[in-house]
Amino acid sequence: MALGENTIGLAMPDALGDFIYNLMPGDREDEPEEKNVQPMAEVAFGLACPVCFELPAGEVHQCFEGHCYCIDCWRRLYPRRCPECRDLIPLRNRSRAQEARIAALPAVCDHCDQTTTRGAMAEHLRSCQQRPITCSAAAAGCGLEGMAAGQATAKQPLSGRVRALDEEEKEEEGGRRRRQRVGPAPPSVANMKVMGMAEATAALREHVMVVWVAEVACIRLSTLAKGEGEFSEPLQRQGVVAVVQAMQMHPQVATVQTMGCDALNDLTKTVSIAGRQAAAEAGAIEAVMNAMQAHLQNDTIQFWGLHALTSLCYGYDAAMSRAIEGGALRVAVAAMRAHPQDECMQLAGSSVLWRFGKGESNEHQITEAGGRAVVLAAMQAFPACAKMKYLGKHLLDVLPLRTANTA
């Protein structure tokens, strides 16, 4: 169906609409429409982001099923699931092929009407003779006074002057300068180390943007959950929510992800089924799996992530199903494959496969992910480990040798 039709009130963005209209074959009377040529409207629609309906101007990311989105919509997706197939999405999964197809689309310069491609437009604009430029004295005003002021401040870049205004610096006595803080200052490390669960959770929520606060608060919540101090389950649930928010705020900071997985493991070990349900609804399972996928080579994140998945789903079938649907079996196999010489990792991964892999469908998923090979390799690498031998023998007995896809 062409985009020119009225499709359920779906409006094409003006820039893209004009671009498609100008390139539609057969619009002019003297230009016969070629046969067997896909209309540009259909080409552009197939490449447009399905969330904002615009052609991506930069990176294009995709889910495991190949559904693509522009980088801005990708960053805003929450919960971290594909809007089309509802599959769990990784933190980074660029579609280079989609980017290349978009870069090859024709484009016309707004200033000189020269036709080029979207990928070459940035290079063209650098040398375009008709592109408007900014007056160097515009920041100080026009005329002779403005030119004099512009020369006087030439040594201080405009970005530096604006930054100084944004930071609202003020002078103290003695001529020293300090930056004015926005909001209350975070507590000291010493104070956070003696906080109770309510205080540590509140500090984490209030200063979640500060990396070191997220790290120390997660450590403190984990320590408290191990048995230091007295607290109620509602406080544990609030702590879980705060930890999940910190992990979502700092997805590339390995220390935050490590402490977050450890804290989620300890906070949910002793909660009720209702508490595990609340943790799942807060996105704790997805936060752990996102951390493991983003930091595959970090053995600490993989180890505590496997333990956190076990604690989050223990005795709660709905949470276990949610984790399996999100790819927990594939994540566990990947962790074992990435760290073959780590005995603790092999035990933790085999335990997750044993707990989560019950049932014919799940057993096939493990085999499809290469689970038989990694389990056998773990047994061979650690022949003296009785627990590894027990778990490995059980898994090899129940996992199918081949699946329908590999038969």
Protein backbone atom coordinates (compact mmCIF):
# COMPACT_ATOMS: atom_id res chain seq x y z
CA MET A 1 0.00 0.00 0.00
CA ALA A 2 1.47 3.37 -1.01
CA LEU A 3 1.92 6.06 1.59
CA GLY A 4 -0.11 8.53 -0.39
CA GLU A 5 -3.29 6.72 0.68
CA ASN A 6 -5.08 7.61 3.86
CA THR A 7 -3.80 4.82 6.13
CA ILE A 8 -5.60 4.95 9.49
CA GLY A 9 -4.76 8.59 9.92
CA LEU A 10 -1.00 7.91 9.78
CA ALA A 11 0.78 11.13 8.85
CA MET A 12 4.14 11.08 7.15
CA PRO A 13 6.60 13.72 8.43
CA ASP A 14 6.75 16.77 6.15
CA ALA A 15 10.41 16.46 5.21
CA LEU A 16 10.12 12.80 4.38
CA GLY A 17 6.80 13.33 2.62
CA ASP A 18 8.27 16.04 0.37
CA PHE A 19 11.32 13.87 -0.30
CA ILE A 20 9.14 10.93 -1.35
CA TYR A 21 6.80 13.08 -3.45
CA ASN A 22 9.65 14.63 -5.42
CA LEU A 23 11.07 11.22 -6.25
CA MET A 24 7.87 9.33 -7.12
CA PRO A 25 8.12 8.01 -10.70
CA GLY A 26 5.37 8.88 -13.14
CA ASP A 27 4.32 12.15 -11.45
CA ARG A 28 5.20 14.19 -14.51
CA GLU A 29 3.28 13.79 -17.73
CA ASP A 30 6.50 13.54 -19.77
CA GLU A 31 8.01 10.90 -17.45
CA PRO A 32 6.41 7.47 -17.97
CA GLU A 33 6.34 5.24 -14.96
CA GLU A 34 8.75 2.34 -15.28
CA LYS A 35 7.49 -1.14 -14.70
CA ASN A 36 8.89 -3.48 -12.05
CA VAL A 37 10.42 -0.55 -10.14
CA GLN A 38 9.61 -0.30 -6.44
CA PRO A 39 8.19 3.17 -5.64
CA MET A 40 10.41 5.38 -3.49
CA ALA A 41 7.54 5.75 -1.01
CA GLU A 42 7.67 2.05 -0.29
CA VAL A 43 11.46 2.10 -0.05
CA ALA A 44 11.45 5.00 2.42
CA PHE A 45 8.63 3.50 4.46
CA GLY A 46 10.53 0.24 4.81
CA LEU A 47 13.57 2.10 6.13
CA ALA A 48 11.76 4.58 8.39
CA CYS A 49 11.80 4.09 12.16
CA PRO A 50 8.49 2.42 13.14
CA VAL A 51 8.29 4.50 16.32
CA CYS A 52 8.73 8.08 15.04
CA PHE A 53 8.13 7.29 11.32
CA GLU A 54 11.21 9.27 10.29
CA LEU A 55 14.25 8.17 8.35
CA PRO A 56 17.12 7.67 10.83
CA ALA A 57 19.83 10.29 10.50
CA GLY A 58 22.49 8.40 12.45
CA GLU A 59 22.85 4.98 14.04
CA VAL A 60 20.20 2.31 13.48
CA HIS A 61 19.75 -0.40 16.12
CA GLN A 62 17.78 -3.62 15.96
CA CYS A 63 16.34 -6.34 18.17
CA PHE A 64 17.24 -10.02 17.85
CA GLU A 65 14.41 -10.44 15.31
CA GLY A 66 15.77 -7.67 13.06
CA HIS A 67 13.26 -4.89 13.82
CA CYS A 68 15.13 -1.60 13.41
CA TYR A 69 14.81 1.78 15.16
CA CYS A 70 16.58 5.13 15.07
CA ILE A 71 19.07 5.75 17.87
CA ASP A 72 16.86 8.33 19.63
CA CYS A 73 13.84 6.01 19.86
CA TRP A 74 16.12 3.09 20.79
CA ARG A 75 17.42 5.01 23.81
CA ARG A 76 13.90 5.96 24.92
CA LEU A 77 12.44 2.45 24.81
CA TYR A 78 11.21 1.45 28.27
CA PRO A 79 10.67 -1.26 29.23
CA ARG A 80 13.61 -2.53 27.17
CA ARG A 81 11.50 -4.65 24.84
CA CYS A 82 10.92 -4.39 21.10
CA PRO A 83 7.57 -2.66 20.44
CA GLU A 84 6.93 -5.01 17.50
CA CYS A 85 7.84 -8.51 18.75
CA ARG A 86 8.12 -7.76 22.51
CA ASP A 87 11.49 -9.55 22.64
CA LEU A 88 14.12 -8.31 25.08
CA ILE A 89 16.50 -5.90 23.33
CA PRO A 90 20.25 -5.58 23.96
CA LEU A 91 21.94 -2.31 24.86
CA ARG A 92 23.85 -2.18 21.58
CA ASN A 93 22.99 -4.04 18.36
CA ARG A 94 23.58 -1.82 15.33
CA SER A 95 22.20 -2.66 11.90
CA ARG A 96 25.02 -1.66 9.56
CA ALA A 97 23.11 -2.94 6.53
CA GLN A 98 20.12 -0.72 7.33
CA GLU A 99 22.42 2.27 7.84
CA ALA A 100 24.04 1.62 4.45
CA ARG A 101 20.67 1.43 2.68
CA ILE A 102 19.56 4.72 4.21
CA ALA A 103 22.87 6.39 3.38
CA ALA A 104 22.43 5.36 -0.28
CA LEU A 105 19.07 7.14 -0.63
CA PRO A 106 19.17 10.28 -2.81
CA ALA A 107 19.00 13.67 -1.13
CA VAL A 108 18.92 17.28 -2.32
CA CYS A 109 20.86 20.09 -0.66
CA ASP A 110 18.54 22.75 0.78
CA HIS A 111 20.98 25.53 -0.16
CA CYS A 112 22.23 24.81 -3.69
CA ASP A 113 19.77 22.12 -4.88
CA GLN A 114 22.61 19.75 -5.71
CA THR A 115 21.58 16.09 -5.69
CA THR A 116 23.70 13.69 -3.66
CA THR A 117 23.04 10.88 -1.16
CA ARG A 118 22.08 11.05 2.49
CA GLY A 119 25.41 9.54 3.45
CA ALA A 120 27.39 12.13 1.49
CA MET A 121 25.29 15.12 2.53
CA ALA A 122 27.42 16.02 5.57
CA GLU A 123 30.58 16.16 3.45
CA HIS A 124 28.80 18.24 0.82
CA LEU A 125 27.59 20.78 3.40
CA ARG A 126 31.18 21.41 4.52
CA SER A 127 32.06 22.76 1.08
CA CYS A 128 28.68 24.08 -0.08
CA GLN A 129 29.22 27.67 -1.29
CA GLN A 130 25.62 28.69 -0.60
CA ARG A 131 25.41 27.36 2.95
CA PRO A 132 24.78 30.18 5.49
CA ILE A 133 27.59 30.89 7.95
CA THR A 134 27.51 32.46 11.41
CA CYS A 135 28.98 35.91 12.01
CA SER A 136 31.96 35.65 14.36
CA ALA A 137 30.85 38.79 16.24
CA ALA A 138 27.21 37.73 16.57
CA ALA A 139 27.59 36.75 20.22
CA ALA A 140 28.63 40.28 21.13
CA GLY A 141 26.25 42.16 18.85
CA CYS A 142 26.64 43.77 15.44
CA GLY A 143 28.36 47.02 14.43
CA LEU A 144 31.68 48.49 15.52
CA GLU A 145 30.96 48.01 19.24
CA GLY A 146 30.07 44.38 18.62
CA MET A 147 33.23 43.80 16.59
CA ALA A 148 35.35 45.34 19.37
CA ALA A 149 33.63 43.21 21.97
CA GLY A 150 34.06 40.13 19.79
CA GLN A 151 37.79 40.81 19.50
CA ALA A 152 38.07 41.34 23.25
CA THR A 153 36.54 37.94 24.00
CA ALA A 154 38.10 36.04 21.12
CA LYS A 155 40.44 34.18 23.45
CA GLN A 156 37.47 32.78 25.42
CA PRO A 157 35.37 30.40 23.29
CA LEU A 158 31.64 30.98 23.24
CA SER A 159 31.00 27.47 24.58
CA GLY A 160 33.19 28.25 27.59
CA ARG A 161 31.33 31.47 28.34
CA VAL A 162 27.94 29.74 28.07
CA ARG A 163 29.15 26.90 30.26
CA ALA A 164 30.25 29.36 32.89
CA LEU A 165 26.79 30.91 32.91
CA ASP A 166 25.06 27.52 33.08
CA GLU A 167 27.17 26.43 36.02
CA GLU A 168 26.32 29.66 37.85
CA GLU A 169 29.74 30.20 39.32
CA LYS A 170 30.00 32.61 42.24
CA GLU A 171 32.93 34.26 43.95
CA GLU A 172 33.85 33.52 47.55
CA GLU A 173 35.91 35.66 49.86
CA GLY A 174 39.54 35.91 48.75
CA GLY A 175 38.70 35.89 45.06
CA ARG A 176 38.27 32.14 44.79
CA ARG A 177 35.54 30.80 42.55
CA ARG A 178 33.23 27.89 43.25
CA ARG A 179 30.45 26.16 41.35
CA GLN A 180 26.98 26.55 42.73
CA ARG A 181 25.41 23.15 43.44
CA VAL A 182 21.95 22.35 42.15
CA GLY A 183 20.07 20.58 44.92
CA PRO A 184 21.52 19.04 48.09
CA ALA A 185 24.98 17.53 48.06
CA PRO A 186 25.22 13.72 48.22
CA PRO A 187 26.10 12.18 51.58
CA SER A 188 29.67 11.18 52.30
CA VAL A 189 30.90 7.62 51.85
CA ALA A 190 31.40 7.31 55.60
CA ASN A 191 27.80 8.30 56.27
CA MET A 192 26.44 5.92 53.64
CA LYS A 193 28.34 2.99 55.13
CA VAL A 194 26.31 3.28 58.37
CA MET A 195 22.89 4.05 56.85
CA GLY A 196 19.87 1.85 57.34
CA MET A 197 17.97 0.43 54.41
CA ALA A 198 15.46 3.28 54.23
CA GLU A 199 18.20 5.94 54.31
CA ALA A 200 20.40 4.14 51.76
CA THR A 201 17.44 3.66 49.41
CA ALA A 202 16.48 7.35 49.72
CA ALA A 203 20.07 8.46 49.04
CA LEU A 204 20.25 6.22 45.98
CA ARG A 205 16.99 7.57 44.58
CA GLU A 206 17.93 11.21 45.21
CA HIS A 207 21.45 10.95 43.75
CA VAL A 208 21.00 8.14 41.23
CA MET A 209 22.87 10.17 38.58
CA VAL A 210 26.07 10.12 40.68
CA VAL A 211 28.04 6.97 39.85
CA TRP A 212 29.87 6.61 43.15
CA VAL A 213 26.64 7.05 45.12
CA ALA A 214 25.05 4.27 43.06
CA GLU A 215 28.02 2.00 43.77
CA VAL A 216 28.21 2.66 47.51
CA ALA A 217 24.42 2.53 47.99
CA CYS A 218 24.17 -0.85 46.21
CA ILE A 219 26.99 -2.20 48.38
CA ARG A 220 25.27 -0.94 51.53
CA LEU A 221 21.89 -2.43 50.54
CA SER A 222 23.58 -5.74 49.79
CA THR A 223 25.35 -5.71 53.16
CA LEU A 224 22.12 -4.94 55.00
CA ALA A 225 20.24 -7.68 53.15
CA LYS A 226 22.87 -10.21 54.24
CA GLY A 227 21.68 -9.75 57.83
CA GLU A 228 23.08 -6.51 59.20
CA GLY A 229 20.28 -4.56 60.87
CA GLU A 230 16.53 -5.09 60.98
CA PHE A 231 14.11 -4.10 58.25
CA SER A 232 10.79 -5.11 56.75
CA GLU A 233 10.06 -6.63 53.35
CA PRO A 234 8.47 -3.41 52.03
CA LEU A 235 11.85 -1.72 52.55
CA GLN A 236 13.52 -4.53 50.61
CA ARG A 237 11.09 -3.99 47.74
CA GLN A 238 11.87 -0.26 47.71
CA GLY A 239 15.55 -1.09 47.67
CA VAL A 240 15.06 -3.36 44.65
CA VAL A 241 13.30 -0.58 42.73
CA ALA A 242 16.09 1.90 43.53
CA VAL A 243 18.80 -0.56 42.46
CA VAL A 244 17.02 -1.27 39.16
CA GLN A 245 16.81 2.47 38.48
CA ALA A 246 20.54 2.85 39.14
CA MET A 247 21.39 0.00 36.77
CA GLN A 248 19.17 1.48 34.06
CA MET A 249 20.76 4.91 34.56
CA HIS A 250 24.36 3.63 34.19
CA PRO A 251 24.20 0.68 31.74
CA GLN A 252 27.86 0.98 30.65
CA VAL A 253 29.38 1.42 34.12
CA ALA A 254 30.62 -2.05 35.03
CA THR A 255 30.95 -1.32 38.76
CA VAL A 256 27.33 -0.17 39.05
CA GLN A 257 26.14 -3.25 37.15
CA THR A 258 28.26 -5.52 39.36
CA MET A 259 27.05 -4.03 42.64
CA GLY A 260 23.50 -3.89 41.30
CA CYS A 261 23.41 -7.61 40.44
CA ASP A 262 24.91 -8.45 43.84
CA ALA A 263 22.35 -6.26 45.62
CA LEU A 264 19.40 -7.75 43.71
CA ASN A 265 20.66 -11.23 44.57
CA ASP A 266 20.79 -10.45 48.31
CA LEU A 267 17.64 -8.30 48.47
CA THR A 268 15.41 -10.99 46.91
CA LYS A 269 16.79 -14.11 48.59
CA THR A 270 14.44 -13.88 51.57
CA VAL A 271 11.42 -12.04 50.17
CA SER A 272 8.03 -13.65 49.64
CA ILE A 273 6.53 -14.60 46.29
CA ALA A 274 4.75 -11.24 46.32
CA GLY A 275 8.13 -9.58 46.79
CA ARG A 276 9.58 -11.43 43.80
CA GLN A 277 6.53 -10.44 41.79
CA ALA A 278 7.11 -6.79 42.69
CA ALA A 279 10.78 -7.12 41.70
CA ALA A 280 9.82 -8.59 38.33
CA GLU A 281 7.32 -5.80 37.71
CA ALA A 282 10.05 -3.26 38.54
CA GLY A 283 12.19 -4.67 35.72
CA ALA A 284 14.78 -6.43 37.87
CA ILE A 285 15.02 -9.51 35.62
CA GLU A 286 15.55 -7.39 32.50
CA ALA A 287 18.10 -5.21 34.32
CA VAL A 288 20.20 -8.24 35.22
CA MET A 289 20.09 -9.75 31.73
CA ASN A 290 20.88 -6.39 30.12
CA ALA A 291 23.93 -6.10 32.39
CA MET A 292 25.12 -9.58 31.47
CA GLN A 293 24.66 -9.01 27.73
CA ALA A 294 26.40 -5.63 27.81
CA HIS A 295 29.39 -6.89 29.85
CA LEU A 296 29.88 -10.45 28.62
CA GLN A 297 33.63 -10.46 29.31
CA ASN A 298 33.23 -9.21 32.90
CA ASP A 299 33.31 -12.40 34.95
CA THR A 300 32.04 -10.70 38.14
CA ILE A 301 28.92 -9.34 36.45
CA GLN A 302 28.26 -12.73 34.84
CA PHE A 303 28.67 -14.57 38.16
CA TRP A 304 26.44 -12.29 40.25
CA GLY A 305 23.99 -11.98 37.37
CA LEU A 306 23.47 -15.75 37.29
CA HIS A 307 22.94 -15.80 41.07
CA ALA A 308 20.55 -12.82 40.87
CA LEU A 309 18.42 -14.57 38.24
CA THR A 310 18.14 -17.57 40.55
CA SER A 311 17.10 -15.44 43.53
CA LEU A 312 14.64 -13.34 41.51
CA CYS A 313 12.83 -16.40 40.13
CA TYR A 314 13.13 -18.93 42.95
CA GLY A 315 9.71 -20.44 43.70
CA TYR A 316 7.92 -18.00 41.39
CA ASP A 317 6.99 -19.69 38.11
CA ALA A 318 5.76 -16.51 36.44
CA ALA A 319 9.12 -14.81 36.99
CA MET A 320 10.96 -17.87 35.67
CA SER A 321 8.78 -17.87 32.54
CA ARG A 322 9.45 -14.18 32.09
CA ALA A 323 13.19 -14.73 32.37
CA ILE A 324 13.12 -17.64 29.91
CA GLU A 325 11.10 -15.62 27.40
CA GLY A 326 13.63 -12.81 27.76
CA GLY A 327 16.54 -15.13 26.94
CA ALA A 328 17.85 -16.30 30.33
CA LEU A 329 18.88 -19.71 28.97
CA ARG A 330 20.82 -18.11 26.12
CA VAL A 331 22.44 -15.66 28.56
CA ALA A 332 23.54 -18.49 30.88
CA VAL A 333 25.11 -20.46 28.02
CA ALA A 334 26.91 -17.32 26.80
CA ALA A 335 28.35 -16.69 30.29
CA MET A 336 29.70 -20.24 30.50
CA ARG A 337 31.16 -20.08 27.00
CA ALA A 338 32.86 -16.72 27.68
CA HIS A 339 34.59 -17.95 30.88
CA PRO A 340 35.42 -21.65 30.35
CA GLN A 341 38.23 -21.76 32.97
CA ASP A 342 36.16 -20.24 35.80
CA GLU A 343 34.87 -23.14 37.91
CA CYS A 344 32.44 -20.97 39.89
CA MET A 345 31.00 -19.58 36.64
CA GLN A 346 30.50 -23.06 35.20
CA LEU A 347 28.71 -24.17 38.36
CA ALA A 348 26.49 -21.10 38.46
CA GLY A 349 25.62 -21.39 34.77
CA SER A 350 24.90 -25.12 34.99
CA SER A 351 22.69 -24.50 38.02
CA VAL A 352 20.64 -21.91 36.07
CA LEU A 353 20.28 -24.31 33.12
CA TRP A 354 19.21 -27.08 35.52
CA ARG A 355 16.64 -24.89 37.33
CA PHE A 356 15.27 -22.99 34.32
CA GLY A 357 15.61 -25.66 31.63
CA LYS A 358 12.91 -28.07 32.73
CA GLY A 359 10.42 -29.03 30.06
CA GLU A 360 10.85 -30.12 26.46
CA SER A 361 10.64 -26.63 25.00
CA ASN A 362 13.27 -25.22 27.35
CA GLU A 363 15.54 -28.21 26.81
CA HIS A 364 15.43 -27.56 23.06
CA GLN A 365 16.27 -23.90 23.68
CA ILE A 366 19.38 -24.88 25.63
CA THR A 367 20.52 -27.22 22.86
CA GLU A 368 19.89 -24.55 20.21
CA ALA A 369 22.05 -22.12 22.21
CA GLY A 370 24.91 -24.65 22.35
CA GLY A 371 24.25 -25.78 25.91
CA ARG A 372 25.32 -29.39 25.44
CA ALA A 373 28.76 -28.36 24.20
CA VAL A 374 29.46 -25.93 27.07
CA VAL A 375 28.23 -28.38 29.72
CA LEU A 376 30.41 -31.16 28.33
CA ALA A 377 33.40 -28.79 28.20
CA ALA A 378 32.80 -27.79 31.84
CA MET A 379 32.74 -31.42 32.96
CA GLN A 380 35.98 -32.09 31.13
CA ALA A 381 37.64 -28.94 32.51
CA PHE A 382 36.75 -29.73 36.15
CA PRO A 383 36.60 -33.52 36.49
CA ALA A 384 37.24 -33.37 40.26
CA CYS A 385 34.20 -31.17 40.98
CA ALA A 386 31.45 -33.47 42.21
CA LYS A 387 28.69 -30.88 41.87
CA MET A 388 29.71 -30.05 38.30
CA LYS A 389 29.74 -33.74 37.49
CA TYR A 390 26.24 -34.19 38.96
CA LEU A 391 24.71 -31.16 37.18
CA GLY A 392 26.45 -31.94 33.92
CA LYS A 393 25.36 -35.57 33.87
CA HIS A 394 21.76 -34.59 34.55
CA LEU A 395 21.77 -31.96 31.77
CA LEU A 396 23.39 -34.24 29.21
CA ASP A 397 20.81 -36.93 30.01
CA VAL A 398 17.80 -34.65 29.36
CA LEU A 399 19.05 -32.29 26.65
CA PRO A 400 18.24 -33.44 23.10
CA LEU A 401 21.17 -34.22 20.83
CA ARG A 402 19.76 -32.13 18.01
CA THR A 403 16.78 -29.84 17.37
CA ALA A 404 14.39 -29.44 14.48
CA ASN A 405 16.43 -26.48 13.22
CA THR A 406 19.70 -28.42 13.20
CA ALA A 407 18.37 -31.78 12.07
